Amino acid sequence: MFAVHADPGEAVDFETLLYATEGPIATVTFNRPDRLNTIVPPVPEEFEAAIRAATDDGAVKVIIVRGAGRSFCAGYDFGGGFRRWDEHITTEGRWDPGKDFAWATAQLVAPTQRFMSMWRTPKPVIVQVHGWCVGGGSDTALCGDLVIASEDARIGTPYSRMWGAYLSGMWIYRLGLTKAKEYALTGKALSGREAADIGLINEAVPFDRLEATVRQRAEQLASIPSSQLAAMKLVVNHAYEAMGLAGTQTLGPILDGLMRNTPDALAFIERAAAEGVGAVVAERDCPFGDYSQAPPDEQPDPSHVIEP
């Protein structure tokens, strides 16, 4: 457990993250390696607090976001449905669409909006991706400014096939229409190398060079005045916000709630509870031969581990 001062005099104990600073660079590390850093409460809240702490720290100029263990983030943990979030999306044990959309689109409390703190901080954020970066994990990673991945990482949105919809919308804004439609409709997984080749992320490198490359990029940015970094980030962000980013991020979580509660989606969760998550995702991914159904050479190397 780490403690960090998010505000003067206010200590925050992190259960799911690690936060550290070294000179002008702050590092935020998802720290649920035994669960592939899947998202559960209070991950979004702690993440936002860590980004705020780095933003408030005058010595910090650049932020690195990464994951401990074998993966960056394997998305939202839907084992048993979304029961961890019942307070926000159910009433008397049943899905409440009114509560769901109000919570999921509220800028102050919605998980996606908390991860968008990366977008809103004036300081550049470099996201370091390895292993699995899927579902809500990819929605999160793409909110950063620069994304650098290991070549064998796997990035994708399996929820495109069942039980979800784009949340941050960054898959759309980082790709042109042709590729955005292809990956929205299929949810196909990309390697880090493929993601870099189509422009979804900035760069892919061998795993053994990943941390050094990210550190080098962070040090390069830290050599630039903070006001200059903030100005250039602001003008790019503003251009994409003018394209309708906020509207996309409103529609996405609403559709995500609906797609989690269709007859097909409810049957998917019931089967997952009865037969295990592995059985239903195997059926989902079999036609595409990816994610759990991919051959070993098309999955992340399990020996590639980030030590926190």
Foldseek 3Di string as FASTA:
>chain_A
DDWAPLDVPDIDDDDQWDWDDDFQEIEIEGHPQVQQSADAPPVLVVLLSRLSRLLPDPRHQEYEYAYFAQWRYQYHDQQLHNVRCCVQAHDPPHGDLVSQLVQCLDCVHHSLNSLLSQLVRLHAYEYETAFEQEAVSLLSNLSGDAYEYAQLHKYWYLCLLAQFFRAQCSLDVQADPVVSVVRSNQRDIDGSVRCCVRRSHPYYHHLVCRVVVVVVVSVVSVVDDSVVSSVVSVVVSVVVVVVPSSVVNSVRSSVSSVRCDDPVNVVLNVCCNVPNNVVSVCVSCVVVCDDVNPPPSNGGDNVSGHHD
